[in-house]
Amino acid sequence: GYVDCWMADVQSLDRLVAQYPGVYRVFADNVMTVDLGVAFENSYEGDYVKKLNTVLFDMDRDGTIKRIVDNYKAGATTGRQGAES
């Protein structure tokens, strides 16, 4: 059978559209958003988790996370791997 549509993360879909111009398109609006989390083994101490939370908060506040995401988005739309661009 054939699939009329499917859902995936935006970066993957952007890369697919860039790789096959004119074949696929992405809706302009997000259908949903998803919160992500980080899981740890029980052996991790609370201080480690607190430090990671602090680092992630600081990266978000100073724009580092946005720059990383934008780099991957740029890689998706140019057909290059984001980490290499």
PDB file of N, CA and C in Angstrom:
ATOM      1  N   GLY A   1       0.784  -1.170   0.000  1.00  0.00           N
ATOM      2  CA  GLY A   1       0.000   0.000   0.000  1.00  0.00           C
ATOM      3  C   GLY A   1       0.845   1.262   0.000  1.00  0.00           C
ATOM      4  N   TYR A   2       0.158   2.350  -0.132  1.00  0.00           N
ATOM      5  CA  TYR A   2       0.777   3.665  -0.163  1.00  0.00           C
ATOM      6  C   TYR A   2       0.401   4.453   1.079  1.00  0.00           C
ATOM      7  N   VAL A   3       1.216   5.403   1.416  1.00  0.00           N
ATOM      8  CA  VAL A   3       0.968   6.267   2.562  1.00  0.00           C
ATOM      9  C   VAL A   3       0.655   7.661   2.040  1.00  0.00           C
ATOM     10  N   ASP A   4      -0.448   8.244   2.510  1.00  0.00           N
ATOM     11  CA  ASP A   4      -0.818   9.594   2.094  1.00  0.00           C
ATOM     12  C   ASP A   4      -0.008  10.653   2.823  1.00  0.00           C
ATOM     13  N   CYS A   5       0.347  10.367   4.073  1.00  0.00           N
ATOM     14  CA  CYS A   5       1.147  11.312   4.844  1.00  0.00           C
ATOM     15  C   CYS A   5       1.758  10.586   6.031  1.00  0.00           C
ATOM     16  N   TRP A   6       2.744  11.214   6.652  1.00  0.00           N
ATOM     17  CA  TRP A   6       3.324  10.680   7.873  1.00  0.00           C
ATOM     18  C   TRP A   6       3.895  11.812   8.687  1.00  0.00           C
ATOM     19  N   MET A   7       4.193  11.515   9.956  1.00  0.00           N
ATOM     20  CA  MET A   7       4.733  12.524  10.863  1.00  0.00           C
ATOM     21  C   MET A   7       6.138  12.120  11.273  1.00  0.00           C
ATOM     22  N   ALA A   8       6.985  13.119  11.405  1.00  0.00           N
ATOM     23  CA  ALA A   8       8.354  12.908  11.877  1.00  0.00           C
ATOM     24  C   ALA A   8       8.857  14.237  12.412  1.00  0.00           C
ATOM     25  N   ASP A   9      10.082  14.243  12.920  1.00  0.00           N
ATOM     26  CA  ASP A   9      10.634  15.510  13.397  1.00  0.00           C
ATOM     27  C   ASP A   9      10.896  16.429  12.206  1.00  0.00           C
ATOM     28  N   VAL A  10      10.816  17.719  12.459  1.00  0.00           N
ATOM     29  CA  VAL A  10      10.901  18.731  11.402  1.00  0.00           C
ATOM     30  C   VAL A  10      12.213  18.637  10.628  1.00  0.00           C
ATOM     31  N   GLN A  11      13.318  18.434  11.325  1.00  0.00           N
ATOM     32  CA  GLN A  11      14.605  18.382  10.651  1.00  0.00           C
ATOM     33  C   GLN A  11      14.665  17.224   9.651  1.00  0.00           C
ATOM     34  N   SER A  12      14.157  16.070  10.034  1.00  0.00           N
ATOM     35  CA  SER A  12      14.152  14.925   9.118  1.00  0.00           C
ATOM     36  C   SER A  12      13.293  15.204   7.895  1.00  0.00           C
ATOM     37  N   LEU A  13      12.130  15.795   8.118  1.00  0.00           N
ATOM     38  CA  LEU A  13      11.254  16.108   6.990  1.00  0.00           C
ATOM     39  C   LEU A  13      11.863  17.166   6.084  1.00  0.00           C
ATOM     40  N   ASP A  14      12.498  18.171   6.662  1.00  0.00           N
ATOM     41  CA  ASP A  14      13.159  19.200   5.851  1.00  0.00           C
ATOM     42  C   ASP A  14      14.236  18.580   4.967  1.00  0.00           C
ATOM     43  N   ARG A  15      14.985  17.651   5.517  1.00  0.00           N
ATOM     44  CA  ARG A  15      16.036  16.983   4.731  1.00  0.00           C
ATOM     45  C   ARG A  15      15.424  16.165   3.605  1.00  0.00           C
ATOM     46  N   LEU A  16      14.320  15.476   3.884  1.00  0.00           N
ATOM     47  CA  LEU A  16      13.655  14.674   2.867  1.00  0.00           C
ATOM     48  C   LEU A  16      13.163  15.556   1.722  1.00  0.00           C
ATOM     49  N   VAL A  17      12.524  16.669   2.061  1.00  0.00           N
ATOM     50  CA  VAL A  17      12.022  17.593   1.047  1.00  0.00           C
ATOM     51  C   VAL A  17      13.176  18.153   0.217  1.00  0.00           C
ATOM     52  N   ALA A  18      14.285  18.488   0.870  1.00  0.00           N
ATOM     53  CA  ALA A  18      15.448  19.018   0.151  1.00  0.00           C
ATOM     54  C   ALA A  18      16.060  17.954  -0.763  1.00  0.00           C
ATOM     55  N   GLN A  19      16.025  16.719  -0.318  1.00  0.00           N
ATOM     56  CA  GLN A  19      16.622  15.631  -1.094  1.00  0.00           C
ATOM     57  C   GLN A  19      15.769  15.268  -2.313  1.00  0.00           C
ATOM     58  N   TYR A  20      14.451  15.436  -2.204  1.00  0.00           N
ATOM     59  CA  TYR A  20      13.530  15.084  -3.286  1.00  0.00           C
ATOM     60  C   TYR A  20      12.641  16.273  -3.627  1.00  0.00           C
ATOM     61  N   PRO A  21      13.216  17.305  -4.265  1.00  0.00           N
ATOM     62  CA  PRO A  21      12.434  18.508  -4.567  1.00  0.00           C
ATOM     63  C   PRO A  21      11.224  18.183  -5.453  1.00  0.00           C
ATOM     64  N   GLY A  22      10.091  18.772  -5.089  1.00  0.00           N
ATOM     65  CA  GLY A  22       8.879  18.599  -5.868  1.00  0.00           C
ATOM     66  C   GLY A  22       8.111  17.315  -5.595  1.00  0.00           C
ATOM     67  N   VAL A  23       8.692  16.406  -4.812  1.00  0.00           N
ATOM     68  CA  VAL A  23       8.028  15.138  -4.526  1.00  0.00           C
ATOM     69  C   VAL A  23       7.227  15.216  -3.232  1.00  0.00           C
ATOM     70  N   TYR A  24       7.814  15.848  -2.221  1.00  0.00           N
ATOM     71  CA  TYR A  24       7.183  15.940  -0.905  1.00  0.00           C
ATOM     72  C   TYR A  24       7.020  17.401  -0.513  1.00  0.00           C
ATOM     73  N   ARG A  25       6.106  17.646   0.403  1.00  0.00           N
ATOM     74  CA  ARG A  25       5.967  18.972   0.989  1.00  0.00           C
ATOM     75  C   ARG A  25       5.619  18.811   2.461  1.00  0.00           C
ATOM     76  N   VAL A  26       5.902  19.839   3.242  1.00  0.00           N
ATOM     77  CA  VAL A  26       5.652  19.825   4.682  1.00  0.00           C
ATOM     78  C   VAL A  26       4.598  20.873   4.984  1.00  0.00           C
ATOM     79  N   PHE A  27       3.627  20.524   5.832  1.00  0.00           N
ATOM     80  CA  PHE A  27       2.638  21.509   6.256  1.00  0.00           C
ATOM     81  C   PHE A  27       3.336  22.696   6.892  1.00  0.00           C
ATOM     82  N   ALA A  28       2.782  23.875   6.692  1.00  0.00           N
ATOM     83  CA  ALA A  28       3.378  25.084   7.261  1.00  0.00           C
ATOM     84  C   ALA A  28       3.253  25.112   8.781  1.00  0.00           C
ATOM     85  N   ASP A  29       2.201  24.518   9.317  1.00  0.00           N
ATOM     86  CA  ASP A  29       1.978  24.532  10.764  1.00  0.00           C
ATOM     87  C   ASP A  29       2.388  23.205  11.376  1.00  0.00           C
ATOM     88  N   ASN A  30       2.941  23.274  12.571  1.00  0.00           N
ATOM     89  CA  ASN A  30       3.238  22.052  13.305  1.00  0.00           C
ATOM     90  C   ASN A  30       1.938  21.400  13.734  1.00  0.00           C
ATOM     91  N   VAL A  31       1.879  20.098  13.618  1.00  0.00           N
ATOM     92  CA  VAL A  31       0.705  19.357  14.050  1.00  0.00           C
ATOM     93  C   VAL A  31       0.714  19.210  15.565  1.00  0.00           C
ATOM     94  N   MET A  32       1.903  19.060  16.125  1.00  0.00           N
ATOM     95  CA  MET A  32       2.038  18.903  17.571  1.00  0.00           C
ATOM     96  C   MET A  32       3.461  19.249  17.989  1.00  0.00           C
ATOM     97  N   THR A  33       3.634  19.497  19.252  1.00  0.00           N
ATOM     98  CA  THR A  33       4.971  19.669  19.804  1.00  0.00           C
ATOM     99  C   THR A  33       5.168  18.616  20.881  1.00  0.00           C
ATOM    100  N   VAL A  34       6.407  18.242  21.087  1.00  0.00           N
ATOM    101  CA  VAL A  34       6.721  17.180  22.037  1.00  0.00           C
ATOM    102  C   VAL A  34       7.810  17.667  22.976  1.00  0.00           C
ATOM    103  N   ASP A  35       7.601  17.467  24.266  1.00  0.00           N
ATOM    104  CA  ASP A  35       8.648  17.750  25.241  1.00  0.00           C
ATOM    105  C   ASP A  35       9.553  16.530  25.331  1.00  0.00           C
ATOM    106  N   LEU A  36      10.834  16.764  25.379  1.00  0.00           N
ATOM    107  CA  LEU A  36      11.796  15.676  25.499  1.00  0.00           C
ATOM    108  C   LEU A  36      12.426  15.700  26.875  1.00  0.00           C
ATOM    109  N   GLY A  37      12.900  14.575  27.310  1.00  0.00           N
ATOM    110  CA  GLY A  37      13.552  14.485  28.612  1.00  0.00           C
ATOM    111  C   GLY A  37      14.840  13.694  28.511  1.00  0.00           C
ATOM    112  N   VAL A  38      15.554  13.646  29.608  1.00  0.00           N
ATOM    113  CA  VAL A  38      16.800  12.891  29.697  1.00  0.00           C
ATOM    114  C   VAL A  38      16.623  11.859  30.797  1.00  0.00           C
ATOM    115  N   ALA A  39      16.922  10.597  30.500  1.00  0.00           N
ATOM    116  CA  ALA A  39      16.785   9.526  31.493  1.00  0.00           C
ATOM    117  C   ALA A  39      18.167   9.119  32.001  1.00  0.00           C
ATOM    118  N   PHE A  40      18.220   8.771  33.268  1.00  0.00           N
ATOM    119  CA  PHE A  40      19.468   8.364  33.911  1.00  0.00           C
ATOM    120  C   PHE A  40      19.278   7.020  34.600  1.00  0.00           C
ATOM    121  N   GLU A  41      20.367   6.278  34.726  1.00  0.00           N
ATOM    122  CA  GLU A  41      20.342   5.088  35.566  1.00  0.00           C
ATOM    123  C   GLU A  41      20.177   5.534  37.010  1.00  0.00           C
ATOM    124  N   ASN A  42      19.681   4.660  37.839  1.00  0.00           N
ATOM    125  CA  ASN A  42      19.485   4.990  39.252  1.00  0.00           C
ATOM    126  C   ASN A  42      20.785   5.342  39.952  1.00  0.00           C
ATOM    127  N   SER A  43      21.923   4.913  39.404  1.00  0.00           N
ATOM    128  CA  SER A  43      23.207   5.163  40.067  1.00  0.00           C
ATOM    129  C   SER A  43      23.644   6.627  39.994  1.00  0.00           C
ATOM    130  N   TYR A  44      23.028   7.426  39.119  1.00  0.00           N
ATOM    131  CA  TYR A  44      23.412   8.834  39.023  1.00  0.00           C
ATOM    132  C   TYR A  44      22.933   9.587  40.254  1.00  0.00           C
ATOM    133  N   GLU A  45      23.823  10.379  40.787  1.00  0.00           N
ATOM    134  CA  GLU A  45      23.507  11.159  41.986  1.00  0.00           C
ATOM    135  C   GLU A  45      22.719  12.410  41.610  1.00  0.00           C
ATOM    136  N   GLY A  46      21.977  12.936  42.539  1.00  0.00           N
ATOM    137  CA  GLY A  46      21.174  14.129  42.317  1.00  0.00           C
ATOM    138  C   GLY A  46      21.984  15.337  41.892  1.00  0.00           C
ATOM    139  N   ASP A  47      23.220  15.463  42.390  1.00  0.00           N
ATOM    140  CA  ASP A  47      24.058  16.607  42.020  1.00  0.00           C
ATOM    141  C   ASP A  47      24.370  16.606  40.529  1.00  0.00           C
ATOM    142  N   TYR A  48      24.608  15.433  39.955  1.00  0.00           N
ATOM    143  CA  TYR A  48      24.899  15.341  38.524  1.00  0.00           C
ATOM    144  C   TYR A  48      23.704  15.842  37.713  1.00  0.00           C
ATOM    145  N   VAL A  49      22.527  15.409  38.088  1.00  0.00           N
ATOM    146  CA  VAL A  49      21.310  15.814  37.387  1.00  0.00           C
ATOM    147  C   VAL A  49      21.091  17.318  37.538  1.00  0.00           C
ATOM    148  N   LYS A  50      21.316  17.852  38.724  1.00  0.00           N
ATOM    149  CA  LYS A  50      21.170  19.295  38.944  1.00  0.00           C
ATOM    150  C   LYS A  50      22.153  20.079  38.082  1.00  0.00           C
ATOM    151  N   LYS A  51      23.403  19.593  37.994  1.00  0.00           N
ATOM    152  CA  LYS A  51      24.402  20.277  37.163  1.00  0.00           C
ATOM    153  C   LYS A  51      23.990  20.252  35.694  1.00  0.00           C
ATOM    154  N   LEU A  52      23.504  19.104  35.225  1.00  0.00           N
ATOM    155  CA  LEU A  52      23.058  19.018  33.834  1.00  0.00           C
ATOM    156  C   LEU A  52      21.893  19.971  33.584  1.00  0.00           C
ATOM    157  N   ASN A  53      20.942  20.003  34.488  1.00  0.00           N
ATOM    158  CA  ASN A  53      19.816  20.936  34.353  1.00  0.00           C
ATOM    159  C   ASN A  53      20.298  22.379  34.279  1.00  0.00           C
ATOM    160  N   THR A  54      21.282  22.727  35.111  1.00  0.00           N
ATOM    161  CA  THR A  54      21.831  24.085  35.110  1.00  0.00           C
ATOM    162  C   THR A  54      22.492  24.397  33.776  1.00  0.00           C
ATOM    163  N   VAL A  55      23.291  23.458  33.277  1.00  0.00           N
ATOM    164  CA  VAL A  55      23.973  23.670  31.992  1.00  0.00           C
ATOM    165  C   VAL A  55      22.954  23.829  30.866  1.00  0.00           C
ATOM    166  N   LEU A  56      21.947  22.963  30.823  1.00  0.00           N
ATOM    167  CA  LEU A  56      20.931  23.066  29.776  1.00  0.00           C
ATOM    168  C   LEU A  56      20.155  24.378  29.876  1.00  0.00           C
ATOM    169  N   PHE A  57      19.829  24.801  31.084  1.00  0.00           N
ATOM    170  CA  PHE A  57      19.145  26.079  31.280  1.00  0.00           C
ATOM    171  C   PHE A  57      20.014  27.225  30.770  1.00  0.00           C
ATOM    172  N   ASP A  58      21.302  27.218  31.137  1.00  0.00           N
ATOM    173  CA  ASP A  58      22.215  28.275  30.694  1.00  0.00           C
ATOM    174  C   ASP A  58      22.364  28.279  29.172  1.00  0.00           C
ATOM    175  N   MET A  59      22.453  27.089  28.567  1.00  0.00           N
ATOM    176  CA  MET A  59      22.567  26.996  27.107  1.00  0.00           C
ATOM    177  C   MET A  59      21.321  27.543  26.420  1.00  0.00           C
ATOM    178  N   ASP A  60      20.167  27.302  27.013  1.00  0.00           N
ATOM    179  CA  ASP A  60      18.931  27.835  26.453  1.00  0.00           C
ATOM    180  C   ASP A  60      18.899  29.350  26.597  1.00  0.00           C
ATOM    181  N   ARG A  61      19.253  29.835  27.770  1.00  0.00           N
ATOM    182  CA  ARG A  61      19.206  31.269  28.053  1.00  0.00           C
ATOM    183  C   ARG A  61      20.176  32.062  27.174  1.00  0.00           C
ATOM    184  N   ASP A  62      21.386  31.529  26.957  1.00  0.00           N
ATOM    185  CA  ASP A  62      22.371  32.299  26.187  1.00  0.00           C
ATOM    186  C   ASP A  62      22.293  32.063  24.673  1.00  0.00           C
ATOM    187  N   GLY A  63      21.324  31.251  24.237  1.00  0.00           N
ATOM    188  CA  GLY A  63      21.117  31.058  22.804  1.00  0.00           C
ATOM    189  C   GLY A  63      21.897  29.911  22.191  1.00  0.00           C
ATOM    190  N   THR A  64      22.667  29.183  22.990  1.00  0.00           N
ATOM    191  CA  THR A  64      23.473  28.084  22.455  1.00  0.00           C
ATOM    192  C   THR A  64      22.592  27.002  21.837  1.00  0.00           C
ATOM    193  N   ILE A  65      21.522  26.626  22.511  1.00  0.00           N
ATOM    194  CA  ILE A  65      20.646  25.580  21.980  1.00  0.00           C
ATOM    195  C   ILE A  65      20.031  26.026  20.661  1.00  0.00           C
ATOM    196  N   LYS A  66      19.605  27.266  20.575  1.00  0.00           N
ATOM    197  CA  LYS A  66      19.025  27.778  19.327  1.00  0.00           C
ATOM    198  C   LYS A  66      20.047  27.722  18.197  1.00  0.00           C
ATOM    199  N   ARG A  67      21.289  28.091  18.482  1.00  0.00           N
ATOM    200  CA  ARG A  67      22.333  28.042  17.449  1.00  0.00           C
ATOM    201  C   ARG A  67      22.570  26.606  16.980  1.00  0.00           C
ATOM    202  N   ILE A  68      22.574  25.663  17.903  1.00  0.00           N
ATOM    203  CA  ILE A  68      22.770  24.258  17.530  1.00  0.00           C
ATOM    204  C   ILE A  68      21.614  23.779  16.654  1.00  0.00           C
ATOM    205  N   VAL A  69      20.389  24.064  17.070  1.00  0.00           N
ATOM    206  CA  VAL A  69      19.218  23.647  16.297  1.00  0.00           C
ATOM    207  C   VAL A  69      19.221  24.322  14.930  1.00  0.00           C
ATOM    208  N   ASP A  70      19.519  25.609  14.882  1.00  0.00           N
ATOM    209  CA  ASP A  70      19.571  26.326  13.607  1.00  0.00           C
ATOM    210  C   ASP A  70      20.618  25.726  12.679  1.00  0.00           C
ATOM    211  N   ASN A  71      21.747  25.280  13.236  1.00  0.00           N
ATOM    212  CA  ASN A  71      22.790  24.646  12.436  1.00  0.00           C
ATOM    213  C   ASN A  71      22.260  23.366  11.791  1.00  0.00           C
ATOM    214  N   TYR A  72      21.531  22.567  12.551  1.00  0.00           N
ATOM    215  CA  TYR A  72      20.964  21.345  11.990  1.00  0.00           C
ATOM    216  C   TYR A  72      19.880  21.647  10.978  1.00  0.00           C
ATOM    217  N   LYS A  73      19.078  22.674  11.226  1.00  0.00           N
ATOM    218  CA  LYS A  73      18.057  23.059  10.253  1.00  0.00           C
ATOM    219  C   LYS A  73      18.712  23.517   8.958  1.00  0.00           C
ATOM    220  N   ALA A  74      19.786  24.286   9.066  1.00  0.00           N
ATOM    221  CA  ALA A  74      20.499  24.751   7.872  1.00  0.00           C
ATOM    222  C   ALA A  74      21.050  23.565   7.102  1.00  0.00           C
ATOM    223  N   GLY A  75      21.578  22.589   7.802  1.00  0.00           N
ATOM    224  CA  GLY A  75      22.082  21.385   7.149  1.00  0.00           C
ATOM    225  C   GLY A  75      20.974  20.632   6.444  1.00  0.00           C
ATOM    226  N   ALA A  76      19.780  20.619   7.041  1.00  0.00           N
ATOM    227  CA  ALA A  76      18.652  19.914   6.438  1.00  0.00           C
ATOM    228  C   ALA A  76      18.224  20.578   5.141  1.00  0.00           C
ATOM    229  N   THR A  77      18.195  21.899   5.111  1.00  0.00           N
ATOM    230  CA  THR A  77      17.702  22.590   3.920  1.00  0.00           C
ATOM    231  C   THR A  77      18.748  22.697   2.827  1.00  0.00           C
ATOM    232  N   THR A  78      20.018  22.470   3.160  1.00  0.00           N
ATOM    233  CA  THR A  78      21.056  22.515   2.130  1.00  0.00           C
ATOM    234  C   THR A  78      21.485  21.124   1.704  1.00  0.00           C
ATOM    235  N   GLY A  79      20.915  20.093   2.345  1.00  0.00           N
ATOM    236  CA  GLY A  79      21.276  18.735   2.000  1.00  0.00           C
ATOM    237  C   GLY A  79      22.544  18.252   2.668  1.00  0.00           C
ATOM    238  N   ARG A  80      23.137  19.056   3.543  1.00  0.00           N
ATOM    239  CA  ARG A  80      24.354  18.663   4.259  1.00  0.00           C
ATOM    240  C   ARG A  80      23.975  18.176   5.639  1.00  0.00           C
ATOM    241  N   GLN A  81      24.835  17.359   6.210  1.00  0.00           N
ATOM    242  CA  GLN A  81      24.643  16.953   7.600  1.00  0.00           C
ATOM    243  C   GLN A  81      24.837  18.185   8.462  1.00  0.00           C
ATOM    244  N   GLY A  82      23.920  18.439   9.380  1.00  0.00           N
ATOM    245  CA  GLY A  82      24.005  19.619  10.228  1.00  0.00           C
ATOM    246  C   GLY A  82      25.276  19.685  11.031  1.00  0.00           C
ATOM    247  N   ALA A  83      25.734  18.550  11.540  1.00  0.00           N
ATOM    248  CA  ALA A  83      26.934  18.546  12.372  1.00  0.00           C
ATOM    249  C   ALA A  83      28.176  18.881  11.568  1.00  0.00           C
ATOM    250  N   GLU A  84      28.105  18.687  10.255  1.00  0.00           N
ATOM    251  CA  GLU A  84      29.268  18.958   9.417  1.00  0.00           C
ATOM    252  C   GLU A  84      29.233  20.337   8.794  1.00  0.00           C
ATOM    253  N   SER A  85      28.093  21.017   8.873  1.00  0.00           N
ATOM    254  CA  SER A  85      27.977  22.317   8.202  1.00  0.00           C
ATOM    255  C   SER A  85      28.365  23.446   9.111  1.00  0.00           C
TER     256      SER A  85
END
